[in-house]
């Protein structure tokens, strides 16, 4: 099990990303818009830099929803490889069969 503080910090980041997503997208569009003046584009970049760092989507870490483990994460299942094996062995994941030969 991962530290609760790390899991909570990641959840806080996810909330910030959702909160600032529209504003961030608007400012990025302004900054890339070639039809605007150079000064307006620069001001958009400055406003973008003033937003909280944790509101950037790249700061969010994919974590297992069962154990909070940050590595060995399967996006499709939102679970780490270890949790997947444990739940699969217990028969709690439909269609998953442990291989042996």
N, C-alpha and C. Protein backbone atom coordinates (compact mmCIF):
# COMPACT_ATOMS: atom_id res chain seq x y z
N UNK A 1 0.83 -1.18 0.00
CA UNK A 1 0.00 0.00 0.00
C UNK A 1 0.88 1.25 0.00
N UNK A 2 0.56 2.17 -0.88
CA UNK A 2 1.32 3.41 -0.97
C UNK A 2 1.00 4.32 0.22
N UNK A 3 1.85 5.31 0.46
CA UNK A 3 1.60 6.27 1.52
C UNK A 3 0.32 7.03 1.22
N UNK A 4 -0.50 7.21 2.23
CA UNK A 4 -1.77 7.91 2.04
C UNK A 4 -1.55 9.35 1.59
N UNK A 5 -0.47 9.95 2.08
CA UNK A 5 -0.19 11.34 1.72
C UNK A 5 0.09 11.46 0.22
N UNK A 6 0.79 10.49 -0.35
CA UNK A 6 1.10 10.53 -1.79
C UNK A 6 -0.17 10.35 -2.62
N UNK A 7 -1.04 9.45 -2.17
CA UNK A 7 -2.30 9.22 -2.88
C UNK A 7 -3.18 10.47 -2.81
N UNK A 8 -3.26 11.08 -1.63
CA UNK A 8 -4.08 12.29 -1.45
C UNK A 8 -3.52 13.46 -2.25
N UNK A 9 -2.20 13.58 -2.30
CA UNK A 9 -1.58 14.65 -3.08
C UNK A 9 -1.92 14.51 -4.56
N UNK A 10 -1.93 13.27 -5.04
CA UNK A 10 -2.27 13.02 -6.43
C UNK A 10 -3.74 13.35 -6.70
N UNK A 11 -4.62 13.02 -5.75
CA UNK A 11 -6.04 13.35 -5.91
C UNK A 11 -6.25 14.85 -5.94
N UNK A 12 -5.49 15.57 -5.10
CA UNK A 12 -5.57 17.03 -5.08
C UNK A 12 -5.14 17.60 -6.43
N UNK A 13 -4.09 17.01 -7.01
CA UNK A 13 -3.63 17.45 -8.33
C UNK A 13 -4.70 17.21 -9.39
N UNK A 14 -5.36 16.04 -9.32
CA UNK A 14 -6.42 15.74 -10.28
C UNK A 14 -7.55 16.76 -10.20
N UNK A 15 -7.91 17.17 -8.97
CA UNK A 15 -8.96 18.17 -8.80
C UNK A 15 -8.53 19.51 -9.39
N UNK A 16 -7.26 19.90 -9.17
CA UNK A 16 -6.76 21.17 -9.71
C UNK A 16 -6.74 21.14 -11.24
N UNK A 17 -6.36 20.01 -11.81
CA UNK A 17 -6.33 19.88 -13.28
C UNK A 17 -7.73 20.10 -13.83
N UNK A 18 -8.72 19.48 -13.20
CA UNK A 18 -10.11 19.61 -13.66
C UNK A 18 -10.60 21.06 -13.50
N UNK A 19 -10.21 21.71 -12.41
CA UNK A 19 -10.66 23.07 -12.13
C UNK A 19 -10.11 24.07 -13.15
N UNK A 20 -8.84 23.93 -13.49
CA UNK A 20 -8.18 24.91 -14.36
C UNK A 20 -8.11 24.48 -15.83
N UNK A 21 -8.71 23.38 -16.20
CA UNK A 21 -8.56 22.85 -17.56
C UNK A 21 -9.04 23.85 -18.62
N UNK A 22 -10.21 24.44 -18.42
CA UNK A 22 -10.77 25.36 -19.41
C UNK A 22 -9.90 26.62 -19.54
N UNK A 23 -9.51 27.18 -18.41
CA UNK A 23 -8.69 28.40 -18.42
C UNK A 23 -7.33 28.13 -19.07
N UNK A 24 -6.75 26.99 -18.72
CA UNK A 24 -5.45 26.61 -19.27
C UNK A 24 -5.53 26.43 -20.79
N UNK A 25 -6.59 25.78 -21.27
CA UNK A 25 -6.77 25.55 -22.71
C UNK A 25 -6.96 26.88 -23.45
N UNK A 26 -7.72 27.78 -22.84
CA UNK A 26 -7.96 29.09 -23.44
C UNK A 26 -6.66 29.88 -23.57
N UNK A 27 -5.86 29.89 -22.50
CA UNK A 27 -4.60 30.63 -22.52
C UNK A 27 -3.60 30.01 -23.49
N UNK A 28 -3.58 28.68 -23.58
CA UNK A 28 -2.67 28.02 -24.52
C UNK A 28 -3.07 28.35 -25.96
N UNK A 29 -4.37 28.40 -26.23
CA UNK A 29 -4.85 28.74 -27.57
C UNK A 29 -4.44 30.17 -27.93
N UNK A 30 -4.57 31.08 -26.97
CA UNK A 30 -4.15 32.47 -27.21
C UNK A 30 -2.65 32.54 -27.47
N UNK A 31 -1.87 31.81 -26.70
CA UNK A 31 -0.41 31.85 -26.83
C UNK A 31 0.06 31.31 -28.17
N UNK A 32 -0.70 30.37 -28.74
CA UNK A 32 -0.30 29.78 -30.03
C UNK A 32 -0.90 30.48 -31.24
N UNK A 33 -1.87 31.38 -31.00
CA UNK A 33 -2.59 32.04 -32.10
C UNK A 33 -1.69 33.06 -32.80
N UNK A 34 -1.35 32.77 -34.03
CA UNK A 34 -0.44 33.63 -34.81
C UNK A 34 -1.09 34.96 -35.20
N UNK A 35 -2.41 35.03 -35.22
CA UNK A 35 -3.10 36.25 -35.64
C UNK A 35 -3.05 37.34 -34.56
N UNK A 36 -2.82 36.97 -33.32
CA UNK A 36 -2.71 37.95 -32.24
C UNK A 36 -1.33 38.60 -32.26
N UNK A 37 -1.25 39.77 -31.63
CA UNK A 37 0.04 40.47 -31.58
C UNK A 37 0.99 39.71 -30.65
N UNK A 38 2.26 39.99 -30.81
CA UNK A 38 3.29 39.33 -30.02
C UNK A 38 3.11 39.63 -28.52
N UNK A 39 2.70 40.86 -28.23
CA UNK A 39 2.51 41.26 -26.84
C UNK A 39 1.34 40.50 -26.18
N UNK A 40 0.25 40.34 -26.92
CA UNK A 40 -0.91 39.60 -26.39
C UNK A 40 -0.55 38.13 -26.14
N UNK A 41 0.20 37.55 -27.06
CA UNK A 41 0.63 36.16 -26.90
C UNK A 41 1.55 36.02 -25.69
N UNK A 42 2.44 36.98 -25.52
CA UNK A 42 3.37 36.96 -24.38
C UNK A 42 2.61 37.08 -23.06
N UNK A 43 1.59 37.97 -23.03
CA UNK A 43 0.77 38.12 -21.82
C UNK A 43 0.02 36.84 -21.49
N UNK A 44 -0.43 36.13 -22.53
CA UNK A 44 -1.11 34.85 -22.31
C UNK A 44 -0.14 33.85 -21.68
N UNK A 45 1.11 33.85 -22.14
CA UNK A 45 2.12 32.96 -21.56
C UNK A 45 2.40 33.31 -20.09
N UNK A 46 2.43 34.62 -19.80
CA UNK A 46 2.66 35.04 -18.41
C UNK A 46 1.50 34.61 -17.51
N UNK A 47 0.26 34.76 -18.00
CA UNK A 47 -0.91 34.34 -17.22
C UNK A 47 -0.90 32.82 -17.02
N UNK A 48 -0.45 32.11 -18.04
CA UNK A 48 -0.36 30.65 -17.94
C UNK A 48 0.66 30.25 -16.87
N UNK A 49 1.75 31.00 -16.79
CA UNK A 49 2.80 30.71 -15.81
C UNK A 49 2.34 31.03 -14.38
N UNK A 50 1.36 31.92 -14.24
CA UNK A 50 0.85 32.29 -12.92
C UNK A 50 -0.10 31.24 -12.34
N UNK A 51 -0.61 30.35 -13.18
CA UNK A 51 -1.50 29.30 -12.69
C UNK A 51 -0.71 28.34 -11.79
N UNK A 52 -1.38 27.66 -10.87
CA UNK A 52 -0.67 26.71 -10.01
C UNK A 52 0.02 25.62 -10.82
N UNK A 53 1.21 25.25 -10.40
CA UNK A 53 1.95 24.21 -11.12
C UNK A 53 1.20 22.89 -11.14
N UNK A 54 0.55 22.57 -10.03
CA UNK A 54 -0.16 21.30 -9.94
C UNK A 54 -1.44 21.25 -10.77
N UNK A 55 -1.75 22.33 -11.47
CA UNK A 55 -2.93 22.31 -12.35
C UNK A 55 -2.55 21.83 -13.75
N UNK A 56 -1.28 21.52 -13.97
CA UNK A 56 -0.83 20.99 -15.25
C UNK A 56 -1.09 19.48 -15.30
N UNK A 57 -1.69 18.98 -16.39
CA UNK A 57 -2.02 17.56 -16.46
C UNK A 57 -0.82 16.63 -16.37
N UNK A 58 0.36 17.09 -16.74
CA UNK A 58 1.53 16.22 -16.70
C UNK A 58 2.00 15.94 -15.28
N UNK A 59 1.51 16.71 -14.29
CA UNK A 59 1.94 16.50 -12.91
C UNK A 59 1.15 15.38 -12.23
N UNK A 60 0.07 14.94 -12.86
CA UNK A 60 -0.74 13.86 -12.28
C UNK A 60 -0.08 12.52 -12.59
N UNK A 61 0.03 11.69 -11.57
CA UNK A 61 0.66 10.38 -11.72
C UNK A 61 -0.42 9.32 -11.77
N UNK A 62 -0.30 8.37 -12.71
CA UNK A 62 -1.24 7.26 -12.74
C UNK A 62 -0.94 6.34 -11.57
N UNK A 63 -1.95 6.10 -10.75
CA UNK A 63 -1.80 5.25 -9.58
C UNK A 63 -2.87 4.18 -9.55
N UNK A 64 -2.51 3.03 -9.01
CA UNK A 64 -3.44 1.92 -8.85
C UNK A 64 -4.58 2.35 -7.92
N UNK A 65 -5.83 2.06 -8.33
CA UNK A 65 -6.96 2.43 -7.49
C UNK A 65 -7.14 1.50 -6.31
N UNK A 66 -6.52 0.33 -6.37
CA UNK A 66 -6.63 -0.63 -5.28
C UNK A 66 -5.57 -0.35 -4.21
N UNK A 67 -4.31 -0.26 -4.65
CA UNK A 67 -3.21 -0.13 -3.68
C UNK A 67 -2.53 1.24 -3.68
N UNK A 68 -2.74 2.05 -4.70
CA UNK A 68 -2.07 3.35 -4.79
C UNK A 68 -0.68 3.27 -5.36
N UNK A 69 -0.28 2.09 -5.83
CA UNK A 69 1.07 1.89 -6.37
C UNK A 69 1.26 2.69 -7.66
N UNK A 70 2.37 3.44 -7.78
CA UNK A 70 2.57 4.28 -8.96
C UNK A 70 3.22 3.58 -10.15
N UNK A 71 3.78 2.41 -9.96
CA UNK A 71 4.48 1.74 -11.06
C UNK A 71 3.78 0.45 -11.44
N UNK A 72 4.06 -0.03 -12.65
CA UNK A 72 3.43 -1.26 -13.12
C UNK A 72 1.94 -1.07 -13.28
N UNK A 73 1.53 0.08 -13.84
CA UNK A 73 0.12 0.47 -13.91
C UNK A 73 -0.46 0.14 -15.28
N UNK A 74 -1.60 -0.53 -15.29
CA UNK A 74 -2.32 -0.81 -16.53
C UNK A 74 -3.44 0.22 -16.68
N UNK A 75 -3.34 1.08 -17.70
CA UNK A 75 -4.32 2.14 -17.89
C UNK A 75 -5.72 1.62 -18.11
N UNK A 76 -5.81 0.56 -18.89
CA UNK A 76 -7.12 0.03 -19.24
C UNK A 76 -7.89 -0.45 -18.00
N UNK A 77 -7.17 -0.98 -17.02
CA UNK A 77 -7.79 -1.52 -15.82
C UNK A 77 -7.70 -0.59 -14.62
N UNK A 78 -6.89 0.49 -14.73
CA UNK A 78 -6.63 1.43 -13.64
C UNK A 78 -6.13 0.70 -12.40
N UNK A 79 -5.20 -0.23 -12.64
CA UNK A 79 -4.73 -1.10 -11.58
C UNK A 79 -3.27 -1.48 -11.83
N UNK A 80 -2.54 -1.75 -10.75
CA UNK A 80 -1.15 -2.18 -10.89
C UNK A 80 -1.09 -3.67 -11.21
N UNK A 81 0.05 -4.10 -11.66
CA UNK A 81 0.23 -5.51 -12.04
C UNK A 81 0.05 -6.43 -10.84
N UNK A 82 0.48 -5.98 -9.66
CA UNK A 82 0.40 -6.80 -8.46
C UNK A 82 -1.05 -6.97 -8.01
N UNK A 83 -1.80 -5.86 -8.00
CA UNK A 83 -3.21 -5.93 -7.62
C UNK A 83 -3.99 -6.76 -8.63
N UNK A 84 -3.62 -6.64 -9.91
CA UNK A 84 -4.28 -7.43 -10.95
C UNK A 84 -4.06 -8.92 -10.72
N UNK A 85 -2.86 -9.30 -10.38
CA UNK A 85 -2.56 -10.72 -10.14
C UNK A 85 -3.31 -11.25 -8.92
N UNK A 86 -3.32 -10.44 -7.86
CA UNK A 86 -4.02 -10.87 -6.63
C UNK A 86 -5.51 -11.05 -6.87
N UNK A 87 -6.14 -10.05 -7.48
CA UNK A 87 -7.58 -10.14 -7.72
C UNK A 87 -7.91 -11.21 -8.75
N UNK A 88 -7.01 -11.40 -9.72
CA UNK A 88 -7.21 -12.46 -10.71
C UNK A 88 -7.13 -13.83 -10.08
N UNK A 89 -6.20 -14.01 -9.16
CA UNK A 89 -6.05 -15.31 -8.49
C UNK A 89 -7.26 -15.62 -7.60
N UNK A 90 -7.87 -14.57 -7.06
CA UNK A 90 -9.05 -14.75 -6.22
C UNK A 90 -10.32 -14.92 -7.06
N UNK A 91 -10.19 -14.73 -8.37
CA UNK A 91 -11.35 -14.89 -9.26
C UNK A 91 -12.28 -13.70 -9.26
N UNK A 92 -11.77 -12.52 -8.90
CA UNK A 92 -12.61 -11.33 -8.82
C UNK A 92 -12.61 -10.50 -10.10
N UNK A 93 -11.80 -10.91 -11.09
CA UNK A 93 -11.78 -10.20 -12.38
C UNK A 93 -12.34 -11.17 -13.42
N UNK A 94 -13.51 -10.88 -13.98
CA UNK A 94 -14.11 -11.80 -14.93
C UNK A 94 -13.27 -11.95 -16.19
N UNK A 95 -13.14 -13.19 -16.63
CA UNK A 95 -12.40 -13.49 -17.87
C UNK A 95 -10.92 -13.61 -17.71
N UNK A 96 -10.39 -13.34 -16.54
CA UNK A 96 -8.94 -13.42 -16.32
C UNK A 96 -8.58 -14.79 -15.74
N UNK A 97 -7.69 -15.48 -16.43
CA UNK A 97 -7.26 -16.80 -15.99
C UNK A 97 -5.75 -16.78 -15.82
N UNK A 98 -5.26 -17.23 -14.68
CA UNK A 98 -3.83 -17.28 -14.44
C UNK A 98 -3.22 -18.37 -15.30
N UNK A 99 -2.16 -18.01 -15.99
CA UNK A 99 -1.52 -18.96 -16.90
C UNK A 99 -0.55 -19.87 -16.14
N UNK A 100 -0.54 -21.13 -16.54
CA UNK A 100 0.47 -22.06 -16.01
C UNK A 100 0.71 -23.14 -17.06
N UNK A 101 1.97 -23.57 -17.20
CA UNK A 101 2.29 -24.63 -18.18
C UNK A 101 3.40 -25.52 -17.71
